[in-house]
Amino acid sequence: MSPRRLDIQYTAVAHAYRRWAGRLRVAPSGPPGVKIGDREFRPGLWPSLAFLVLLPVLLRLGFWQLDRAAEKQALLDALEAANRRAPVALETRLADADALRYRKVTIRGEYLVGREFLLDNQVHDGRAGYHVLTPLRVAAESEVCVLIDRGWIPLGRDRHNLPPVSTPEGPRSVQGTVWLSWREAFHLGDQARSGRGWPAVVQWVDLGAMSAELPCRLAPLVVRLARPAADGFVLDWPLPSIQPEKSTSYAIQWFALAAALALIYIFVNLKKIAAPSQDGKQEQHD
């Protein structure tokens, strides 16, 4: 084969290769993109993976805060509804403790004098003290007692000298509000009791452990004594700080972050559509 013929064939192959390489440079490496005006949405692998991981997380956090707002609003509604309703006789509703949450109640019985529990680490106006929890034996059911929170008292001279606690004797009618049901009675494990005498200092409310030290079974609730009451101490019952609007604002922030993430994902993956150059080839623009 003559050198001239070889040169012609080489030139033809070189031109064919350049045309193929030019087409390869502008050819899409994946499925066709979505055209938006003079741009094409063609997401990359890693941005897409990051987007698919982060977006559900942000949305989930937003919906979780909406659920929290709904729960808080339901709690506020329950408090307001219970406050408007007339007191009920607790003796007839002891088996339905959960339905009595935040309800005003009346109960007849006798305090177990000398069987007071002092709930530790209670603060009032910046001062440390105790809440006095006294069992009330229900008149209608002598084997059942209800734990009555009679309010706050300050610490004694020190923790080795407990403050005196006076408890009235004899039958009485008590008015108060069901504040804790058995599902809410907070405990962190085995009851920590300071000493074996009375009054007994406890670190948290554990109705089962308290019942074991009494001649009666505690009902699955705690009643906060209503004020004014001759058998109470400092009866200051602040309502819990419940703000549904705060959870709603958090939800809006999470949803805004999700929207911002989506916009950023779209923006960084929009490529300008390639336009033909003067030599007939196509150029890709970012």
Protein backbone atom coordinates (compact mmCIF):
# COMPACT_ATOMS: atom_id res chain seq x y z
CA MET A 1 0.00 0.00 0.00
CA SER A 2 1.40 3.39 -1.01
CA PRO A 3 2.33 5.99 1.65
CA ARG A 4 -0.18 8.43 0.15
CA ARG A 5 -3.03 5.95 0.57
CA LEU A 6 -1.98 5.29 4.18
CA ASP A 7 -1.94 9.01 4.86
CA ILE A 8 -5.47 9.42 3.46
CA GLN A 9 -6.78 6.57 5.62
CA TYR A 10 -5.06 7.97 8.72
CA THR A 11 -6.56 11.40 8.09
CA ALA A 12 -10.05 9.91 7.69
CA VAL A 13 -9.70 7.95 10.94
CA ALA A 14 -8.44 11.03 12.79
CA HIS A 15 -11.40 13.13 11.59
CA ALA A 16 -13.83 10.38 12.58
CA TYR A 17 -12.26 10.16 16.06
CA ARG A 18 -12.48 13.93 16.58
CA ARG A 19 -16.15 13.94 15.56
CA TRP A 20 -16.85 11.05 17.94
CA ALA A 21 -14.94 12.73 20.78
CA GLY A 22 -16.86 15.97 20.24
CA ARG A 23 -20.17 14.17 20.38
CA LEU A 24 -19.04 12.32 23.52
CA ARG A 25 -18.17 15.59 25.25
CA VAL A 26 -21.72 16.92 25.03
CA ALA A 27 -23.60 13.68 25.12
CA PRO A 28 -25.56 13.08 28.34
CA SER A 29 -24.05 10.59 30.77
CA GLY A 30 -27.46 9.58 32.14
CA PRO A 31 -31.13 9.77 31.29
CA PRO A 32 -32.41 12.88 29.54
CA GLY A 33 -32.78 15.92 31.79
CA VAL A 34 -35.81 18.15 32.28
CA LYS A 35 -35.70 21.35 30.25
CA ILE A 36 -36.61 24.57 32.05
CA GLY A 37 -36.32 27.50 29.67
CA ASP A 38 -32.78 27.63 28.35
CA ARG A 39 -31.54 25.29 31.07
CA GLU A 40 -31.70 21.60 31.76
CA PHE A 41 -32.14 19.97 35.17
CA ARG A 42 -29.61 17.17 35.36
CA PRO A 43 -28.82 16.20 39.00
CA GLY A 44 -25.55 14.56 39.94
CA LEU A 45 -25.25 11.37 41.95
CA TRP A 46 -23.87 12.75 45.23
CA PRO A 47 -26.13 15.82 45.42
CA SER A 48 -29.11 13.54 44.78
CA LEU A 49 -28.08 11.12 47.53
CA ALA A 50 -27.60 13.97 50.01
CA PHE A 51 -30.97 15.45 49.04
CA LEU A 52 -32.78 12.11 49.42
CA VAL A 53 -31.27 11.62 52.88
CA LEU A 54 -31.76 15.13 54.28
CA LEU A 55 -35.22 15.99 52.93
CA PRO A 56 -37.13 13.19 54.75
CA VAL A 57 -35.29 14.02 57.98
CA LEU A 58 -36.28 17.70 57.82
CA LEU A 59 -39.89 16.86 56.95
CA ARG A 60 -40.10 14.29 59.75
CA LEU A 61 -38.86 16.84 62.26
CA GLY A 62 -41.44 19.32 61.05
CA PHE A 63 -44.34 16.88 61.40
CA TRP A 64 -43.03 15.77 64.80
CA GLN A 65 -43.22 19.37 66.03
CA LEU A 66 -46.75 19.65 64.66
CA ASP A 67 -47.69 16.54 66.65
CA ARG A 68 -46.12 18.09 69.74
CA ALA A 69 -48.14 21.28 69.20
CA ALA A 70 -51.34 19.23 68.92
CA GLU A 71 -50.52 17.34 72.12
CA LYS A 72 -49.85 20.56 74.02
CA GLN A 73 -53.06 22.14 72.75
CA ALA A 74 -55.02 19.04 73.78
CA LEU A 75 -53.47 19.28 77.25
CA LEU A 76 -54.43 22.95 77.55
CA ASP A 77 -57.97 22.15 76.42
CA ALA A 78 -58.19 19.35 79.00
CA LEU A 79 -57.00 21.68 81.77
CA GLU A 80 -59.53 24.36 80.83
CA ALA A 81 -62.39 21.88 80.49
CA ALA A 82 -61.58 20.22 83.82
CA ASN A 83 -61.41 23.60 85.55
CA ARG A 84 -64.92 24.49 84.35
CA ARG A 85 -66.53 21.25 85.49
CA ALA A 86 -68.05 20.71 88.91
CA PRO A 87 -66.16 18.57 91.43
CA VAL A 88 -66.92 14.85 91.48
CA ALA A 89 -66.90 12.42 94.39
CA LEU A 90 -63.63 10.55 94.08
CA GLU A 91 -64.86 7.55 96.08
CA THR A 92 -67.15 6.54 93.22
CA ARG A 93 -64.52 6.97 90.50
CA LEU A 94 -61.38 5.35 91.93
CA ALA A 95 -61.40 2.66 89.24
CA ASP A 96 -61.37 5.32 86.52
CA ALA A 97 -58.28 7.30 87.53
CA ASP A 98 -57.11 8.18 84.02
CA ALA A 99 -60.43 9.82 83.17
CA LEU A 100 -60.11 12.06 86.24
CA ARG A 101 -56.91 13.74 85.15
CA TYR A 102 -57.02 17.44 86.18
CA ARG A 103 -60.56 17.05 87.53
CA LYS A 104 -61.69 18.74 90.70
CA VAL A 105 -62.68 16.10 93.24
CA THR A 106 -63.98 15.74 96.77
CA ILE A 107 -63.21 12.82 99.02
CA ARG A 108 -64.17 11.85 102.56
CA GLY A 109 -61.84 9.97 104.85
CA GLU A 110 -59.19 10.21 107.56
CA TYR A 111 -55.53 11.08 107.28
CA LEU A 112 -53.06 8.44 108.41
CA VAL A 113 -51.46 10.54 111.13
CA GLY A 114 -47.75 9.90 111.46
CA ARG A 115 -47.43 8.40 107.96
CA GLU A 116 -46.38 11.49 106.01
CA PHE A 117 -44.00 11.41 103.05
CA LEU A 118 -41.80 14.44 102.33
CA LEU A 119 -41.07 14.79 98.61
CA ASP A 120 -37.55 16.20 98.44
CA ASN A 121 -36.02 18.87 96.18
CA GLN A 122 -39.10 21.08 95.91
CA VAL A 123 -38.46 24.81 95.41
CA HIS A 124 -40.79 27.71 96.21
CA ASP A 125 -39.76 31.36 95.72
CA GLY A 126 -36.15 30.29 95.43
CA ARG A 127 -36.18 28.33 98.70
CA ALA A 128 -35.63 24.59 98.99
CA GLY A 129 -38.14 22.44 100.81
CA TYR A 130 -40.52 19.50 100.62
CA HIS A 131 -44.02 18.71 99.46
CA VAL A 132 -46.00 16.99 102.20
CA LEU A 133 -47.74 13.87 100.86
CA THR A 134 -50.19 12.38 103.35
CA PRO A 135 -52.29 9.23 102.75
CA LEU A 136 -56.03 9.68 103.29
CA ARG A 137 -57.91 6.49 104.11
CA VAL A 138 -61.09 6.53 102.04
CA ALA A 139 -64.20 6.33 104.21
CA ALA A 140 -66.10 4.20 101.69
CA GLU A 141 -63.21 1.74 101.22
CA SER A 142 -61.08 1.26 104.31
CA GLU A 143 -58.41 -0.71 102.44
CA VAL A 144 -57.78 2.11 99.96
CA CYS A 145 -55.90 5.35 100.56
CA VAL A 146 -55.43 8.39 98.35
CA LEU A 147 -52.15 10.30 98.46
CA ILE A 148 -52.89 13.97 99.16
CA ASP A 149 -50.28 16.62 98.28
CA ARG A 150 -50.80 19.14 101.08
CA GLY A 151 -48.35 21.70 99.74
CA TRP A 152 -44.84 23.00 100.35
CA ILE A 153 -42.88 23.43 103.57
CA PRO A 154 -39.32 24.79 103.91
CA LEU A 155 -36.31 22.75 104.96
CA GLY A 156 -35.49 22.47 108.64
CA ARG A 157 -32.23 23.68 110.11
CA ASP A 158 -30.51 20.96 108.09
CA ARG A 159 -31.43 17.71 106.40
CA HIS A 160 -30.82 15.77 109.61
CA ASN A 161 -33.52 17.77 111.40
CA LEU A 162 -36.77 17.49 109.48
CA PRO A 163 -39.37 20.26 109.82
CA PRO A 164 -42.39 19.46 112.00
CA VAL A 165 -45.48 18.29 110.13
CA SER A 166 -48.90 18.53 111.76
CA THR A 167 -51.74 16.38 110.45
CA PRO A 168 -55.36 16.78 111.60
CA GLU A 169 -57.12 13.75 113.04
CA GLY A 170 -60.63 12.47 112.53
CA PRO A 171 -63.02 12.29 109.56
CA ARG A 172 -62.85 15.12 107.08
CA SER A 173 -63.85 16.12 103.57
CA VAL A 174 -61.00 17.03 101.27
CA GLN A 175 -61.20 19.01 98.04
CA GLY A 176 -58.48 19.04 95.43
CA THR A 177 -57.42 18.31 91.88
CA VAL A 178 -56.26 15.01 90.44
CA TRP A 179 -52.82 15.90 89.16
CA LEU A 180 -50.98 12.64 88.68
CA SER A 181 -52.45 9.37 87.50
CA TRP A 182 -50.54 6.13 87.93
CA ARG A 183 -49.12 6.44 84.40
CA GLU A 184 -47.52 9.76 85.32
CA ALA A 185 -46.29 9.03 88.84
CA PHE A 186 -42.63 9.59 88.21
CA HIS A 187 -40.04 7.15 89.45
CA LEU A 188 -36.47 6.42 88.47
CA GLY A 189 -36.07 2.91 89.92
CA ASP A 190 -36.24 1.57 93.46
CA GLN A 191 -37.51 4.15 95.90
CA ALA A 192 -34.76 5.99 97.77
CA ARG A 193 -35.97 6.55 101.34
CA SER A 194 -33.93 8.53 103.82
CA GLY A 195 -34.01 6.64 107.12
CA ARG A 196 -36.74 4.36 108.47
CA GLY A 197 -38.66 6.79 110.65
CA TRP A 198 -41.53 9.16 109.92
CA PRO A 199 -42.00 11.48 108.19
CA ALA A 200 -40.24 9.63 105.37
CA VAL A 201 -38.15 11.66 102.92
CA VAL A 202 -38.52 10.37 99.35
CA GLN A 203 -36.89 11.52 96.15
CA TRP A 204 -39.76 10.75 93.79
CA VAL A 205 -43.30 9.45 93.76
CA ASP A 206 -43.43 5.66 93.62
CA LEU A 207 -46.93 4.61 94.60
CA GLY A 208 -46.02 0.93 94.79
CA ALA A 209 -43.10 1.47 97.16
CA MET A 210 -45.15 3.87 99.27
CA SER A 211 -48.04 1.40 99.52
CA ALA A 212 -45.65 -1.24 100.89
CA GLU A 213 -45.08 0.96 103.96
CA LEU A 214 -48.75 1.65 104.66
CA PRO A 215 -51.64 -0.35 106.12
CA CYS A 216 -53.66 0.40 102.98
CA ARG A 217 -53.28 0.31 99.21
CA LEU A 218 -52.70 3.66 97.51
CA ALA A 219 -55.08 4.52 94.69
CA PRO A 220 -53.34 5.12 91.34
CA LEU A 221 -53.40 8.92 91.55
CA VAL A 222 -52.24 11.95 93.53
CA VAL A 223 -54.58 14.77 94.59
CA ARG A 224 -53.34 18.32 95.06
CA LEU A 225 -55.13 19.98 97.94
CA ALA A 226 -57.31 22.93 96.94
CA ARG A 227 -56.77 26.28 98.61
CA PRO A 228 -57.68 27.58 101.06
CA ALA A 229 -57.43 24.54 103.30
CA ALA A 230 -56.87 24.33 107.05
CA ASP A 231 -54.91 21.10 106.64
CA GLY A 232 -52.63 22.50 103.91
CA PHE A 233 -49.30 24.29 103.89
CA VAL A 234 -48.08 26.57 101.06
CA LEU A 235 -50.58 25.75 98.31
CA ASP A 236 -49.05 27.34 95.24
CA TRP A 237 -49.85 25.21 92.20
CA PRO A 238 -48.45 26.89 89.07
CA LEU A 239 -49.80 25.59 85.80
CA PRO A 240 -47.29 23.81 83.59
CA SER A 241 -45.61 25.94 80.96
CA ILE A 242 -47.35 24.70 77.83
CA GLN A 243 -46.85 26.68 74.62
CA PRO A 244 -48.26 25.01 71.50
CA GLU A 245 -47.24 28.02 69.39
CA LYS A 246 -43.57 27.39 70.16
CA SER A 247 -43.76 23.89 68.70
CA THR A 248 -45.64 25.28 65.70
CA SER A 249 -42.87 27.83 65.08
CA TYR A 250 -40.28 25.06 65.26
CA ALA A 251 -42.27 23.08 62.70
CA ILE A 252 -42.33 26.08 60.35
CA GLN A 253 -38.55 26.37 60.67
CA TRP A 254 -38.02 22.72 59.77
CA PHE A 255 -40.34 22.98 56.77
CA ALA A 256 -38.56 26.17 55.66
CA LEU A 257 -35.23 24.35 55.80
CA ALA A 258 -36.72 21.53 53.72
CA ALA A 259 -37.95 24.05 51.13
CA ALA A 260 -34.54 25.77 51.07
CA LEU A 261 -32.84 22.42 50.57
CA ALA A 262 -35.12 21.64 47.61
CA LEU A 263 -34.45 25.03 45.99
CA ILE A 264 -30.69 24.67 46.43
CA TYR A 265 -30.80 21.16 44.99
CA ILE A 266 -32.67 22.39 41.91
CA PHE A 267 -30.47 25.46 41.45
CA VAL A 268 -27.10 23.72 41.61
CA ASN A 269 -28.25 21.04 39.16
CA LEU A 270 -29.60 23.38 36.48
CA LYS A 271 -27.22 23.44 33.52
CA LYS A 272 -27.46 25.79 30.57
CA ILE A 273 -28.35 23.92 27.42
CA ALA A 274 -25.38 23.55 25.05
CA ALA A 275 -25.43 25.89 22.03
CA PRO A 276 -23.72 25.17 18.66
CA SER A 277 -20.37 26.94 18.26
CA GLN A 278 -19.13 28.62 15.10
CA ASP A 279 -17.15 25.54 14.00
CA GLY A 280 -20.28 23.38 14.18
CA LYS A 281 -19.47 21.83 17.54
CA GLN A 282 -21.58 22.18 20.69
CA GLU A 283 -20.40 23.83 23.86
CA GLN A 284 -21.73 23.06 27.38
CA HIS A 285 -22.27 25.99 29.76
CA ASP A 286 -22.75 25.87 33.48
